[in-house]
Amino acid sequence: MTGSVFFTEEVSNSKVAAICPSVAVARLQAARVREAMGLPASQVQVLTPGDTKPGRMLEPESHGIYRTMLWSHAKLGAVGALAGILAYAVLRMQAVPMITQSPGLSLAALAFFGGIAGLMVGGLVTLRPDHDPYVMKVLGALREGDSAVVVHALSAEQKREAERILAQAGNETTSTL
């Protein structure tokens, strides 16, 4: 059950939300999306101002997020270390004096700092900054008394189709990358 991206472990990497003025409109839009795309109810949900835990409906994969944290750090840390080793090889072939005079220390330093850079990128992936505008927009709309339709897309094509259907109905939409 891995995500479609090399370093994520979530089933649904992309999410689309449409802000609707009422619960009735949101339910109607959710039914339209389910029918048009053939999606199950678990993939297309309606959030209302009275929901007690809207965050769970917006980001339901807490176990996937934990696995993403572990794997993104492991994979990207390794990629960063390999990039550091590659940088060492390039500098060594160019006979850079600092590298040729202390090859072992240079290799260790470049691999270490490359690994650290990879771990930092892994942290950025774990934070998922692309999800913030989506979550904040929906939570703000719920606070104002609006409702929302949330689609947990399993592919980029599903995401585009859901955005098209919801926007076609005149809804204000937001999504993750």
Protein backbone atom coordinates (compact mmCIF):
# COMPACT_ATOMS: atom_id res chain seq x y z
CA MET A 1 0.00 0.00 0.00
CA THR A 2 2.51 2.57 -1.07
CA GLY A 3 1.79 5.99 -2.47
CA SER A 4 2.34 6.92 -6.06
CA VAL A 5 5.32 9.08 -5.19
CA PHE A 6 8.75 7.60 -4.37
CA PHE A 7 8.85 8.92 -0.81
CA THR A 8 5.22 8.92 0.39
CA GLU A 9 3.35 6.02 1.92
CA GLU A 10 -0.18 7.42 1.74
CA VAL A 11 -2.83 5.83 -0.45
CA SER A 12 -4.33 9.19 -1.43
CA ASN A 13 -1.58 11.72 -2.13
CA SER A 14 -3.97 14.27 -3.68
CA LYS A 15 -7.10 15.78 -2.24
CA VAL A 16 -9.66 18.18 -3.69
CA ALA A 17 -12.21 20.18 -1.73
CA ALA A 18 -15.11 22.34 -2.88
CA ILE A 19 -16.71 24.95 -0.66
CA CYS A 20 -20.52 24.87 -0.78
CA PRO A 21 -22.96 27.37 0.75
CA SER A 22 -25.11 24.70 2.43
CA VAL A 23 -25.14 21.08 3.52
CA ALA A 24 -27.79 20.26 0.88
CA VAL A 25 -25.64 21.68 -1.94
CA ALA A 26 -22.59 19.83 -0.62
CA ARG A 27 -24.46 16.52 -0.51
CA LEU A 28 -25.75 17.08 -4.03
CA GLN A 29 -22.24 17.86 -5.32
CA ALA A 30 -20.80 14.82 -3.53
CA ALA A 31 -23.42 12.60 -5.16
CA ARG A 32 -22.60 14.13 -8.58
CA VAL A 33 -18.90 13.40 -8.16
CA ARG A 34 -19.51 9.84 -6.90
CA GLU A 35 -21.87 9.11 -9.79
CA ALA A 36 -19.77 10.74 -12.52
CA MET A 37 -16.52 9.14 -11.40
CA GLY A 38 -17.81 5.89 -9.91
CA LEU A 39 -16.13 6.56 -6.55
CA PRO A 40 -17.13 4.99 -3.23
CA ALA A 41 -18.54 7.10 -0.39
CA SER A 42 -15.27 6.71 1.53
CA GLN A 43 -13.47 8.65 -1.20
CA VAL A 44 -16.00 11.50 -1.48
CA GLN A 45 -17.13 12.97 1.82
CA VAL A 46 -19.19 15.91 2.99
CA LEU A 47 -17.97 18.10 5.85
CA THR A 48 -20.45 20.27 7.70
CA PRO A 49 -19.96 23.07 10.23
CA GLY A 50 -21.13 20.76 13.04
CA ASP A 51 -18.54 18.02 12.44
CA THR A 52 -16.51 17.44 15.59
CA LYS A 53 -13.30 16.23 13.90
CA PRO A 54 -13.07 17.73 10.41
CA GLY A 55 -9.30 17.26 10.41
CA ARG A 56 -9.73 13.48 10.33
CA MET A 57 -11.92 13.74 7.26
CA LEU A 58 -9.49 16.12 5.57
CA GLU A 59 -6.40 14.02 6.38
CA PRO A 60 -7.62 10.51 7.27
CA GLU A 61 -4.36 8.61 6.81
CA SER A 62 -2.51 9.17 10.09
CA HIS A 63 -0.77 5.80 9.75
CA GLY A 64 0.25 6.72 6.19
CA ILE A 65 1.66 10.03 7.41
CA TYR A 66 3.79 8.20 10.00
CA ARG A 67 5.10 5.79 7.34
CA THR A 68 5.73 8.77 5.04
CA MET A 69 7.81 10.37 7.80
CA LEU A 70 9.95 7.25 8.20
CA TRP A 71 10.38 6.41 4.53
CA SER A 72 10.86 9.94 3.24
CA HIS A 73 13.68 10.48 5.73
CA ALA A 74 15.28 7.10 4.98
CA LYS A 75 15.02 7.35 1.20
CA LEU A 76 15.90 11.01 0.83
CA GLY A 77 18.70 10.77 3.42
CA ALA A 78 20.24 7.95 1.36
CA VAL A 79 19.78 9.92 -1.89
CA GLY A 80 21.46 12.93 -0.26
CA ALA A 81 24.42 10.82 0.91
CA LEU A 82 24.78 9.38 -2.59
CA ALA A 83 24.69 12.91 -4.01
CA GLY A 84 27.50 13.84 -1.61
CA ILE A 85 29.53 10.84 -2.77
CA LEU A 86 28.90 11.81 -6.39
CA ALA A 87 30.05 15.38 -5.63
CA TYR A 88 33.20 13.91 -4.08
CA ALA A 89 33.86 11.83 -7.21
CA VAL A 90 33.44 14.86 -9.49
CA LEU A 91 35.71 17.02 -7.33
CA ARG A 92 38.28 14.22 -7.11
CA MET A 93 38.33 13.81 -10.91
CA GLN A 94 38.92 17.55 -11.23
CA ALA A 95 41.86 17.21 -8.82
CA VAL A 96 40.62 19.87 -6.43
CA PRO A 97 43.51 20.26 -3.94
CA MET A 98 41.31 20.22 -0.84
CA ILE A 99 39.82 16.87 -1.95
CA THR A 100 43.07 15.21 -3.11
CA GLN A 101 45.01 16.23 0.02
CA SER A 102 42.59 14.54 2.42
CA PRO A 103 40.41 12.14 0.43
CA GLY A 104 38.94 10.15 3.32
CA LEU A 105 37.89 13.18 5.32
CA SER A 106 36.52 14.89 2.20
CA LEU A 107 34.47 11.83 1.27
CA ALA A 108 33.07 11.52 4.79
CA ALA A 109 32.22 15.22 5.00
CA LEU A 110 30.49 15.37 1.62
CA ALA A 111 28.53 12.16 2.25
CA PHE A 112 27.55 13.39 5.73
CA PHE A 113 26.37 16.82 4.63
CA GLY A 114 24.62 15.34 1.58
CA GLY A 115 22.79 12.95 3.92
CA ILE A 116 21.83 15.82 6.21
CA ALA A 117 20.47 17.78 3.23
CA GLY A 118 18.45 14.70 2.21
CA LEU A 119 17.06 14.37 5.73
CA MET A 120 16.01 18.03 5.66
CA VAL A 121 14.16 17.49 2.38
CA GLY A 122 12.56 14.40 3.98
CA GLY A 123 11.33 16.65 6.78
CA LEU A 124 9.83 19.04 4.25
CA VAL A 125 8.01 16.13 2.57
CA THR A 126 6.69 15.02 5.97
CA LEU A 127 5.39 18.51 6.74
CA ARG A 128 3.51 18.45 3.41
CA PRO A 129 3.36 22.21 2.89
CA ASP A 130 1.10 21.69 -0.14
CA HIS A 131 -1.67 20.50 2.21
CA ASP A 132 -1.79 23.67 4.33
CA PRO A 133 -3.80 25.89 1.93
CA TYR A 134 -6.28 23.04 1.35
CA VAL A 135 -6.79 22.37 5.08
CA MET A 136 -6.92 26.06 6.09
CA LYS A 137 -9.42 26.96 3.34
CA VAL A 138 -11.82 24.16 4.32
CA LEU A 139 -11.54 24.78 8.06
CA GLY A 140 -12.11 28.52 7.48
CA ALA A 141 -15.21 27.79 5.40
CA LEU A 142 -16.58 25.46 8.08
CA ARG A 143 -16.06 28.18 10.72
CA GLU A 144 -18.05 30.59 8.51
CA GLY A 145 -20.96 28.13 8.30
CA ASP A 146 -20.29 26.73 4.83
CA SER A 147 -19.97 23.03 4.01
CA ALA A 148 -17.38 21.24 1.92
CA VAL A 149 -17.08 18.25 -0.39
CA VAL A 150 -13.74 16.46 -0.03
CA VAL A 151 -12.45 14.03 -2.66
CA HIS A 152 -9.51 11.77 -1.81
CA ALA A 153 -8.07 11.13 -5.27
CA LEU A 154 -6.00 8.01 -5.90
CA SER A 155 -4.40 9.37 -9.08
CA ALA A 156 -3.60 12.66 -10.77
CA GLU A 157 -6.32 11.92 -13.31
CA GLN A 158 -8.93 11.41 -10.58
CA LYS A 159 -7.85 14.69 -9.01
CA ARG A 160 -8.18 16.62 -12.28
CA GLU A 161 -11.57 15.07 -13.01
CA ALA A 162 -12.91 15.84 -9.51
CA GLU A 163 -11.67 19.45 -9.78
CA ARG A 164 -13.32 19.80 -13.17
CA ILE A 165 -16.69 18.43 -11.99
CA LEU A 166 -16.75 20.55 -8.82
CA ALA A 167 -15.60 23.75 -10.56
CA GLN A 168 -18.09 23.19 -13.38
CA ALA A 169 -20.88 23.40 -10.80
CA GLY A 170 -19.62 26.84 -9.77
CA ASN A 171 -17.97 25.73 -6.53
CA GLU A 172 -14.83 27.35 -5.20
CA THR A 173 -12.24 24.57 -5.12
CA THR A 174 -8.89 24.01 -3.45
CA SER A 175 -6.53 21.07 -3.64
CA THR A 176 -3.18 19.66 -2.68
CA LEU A 177 -0.44 19.43 -5.28
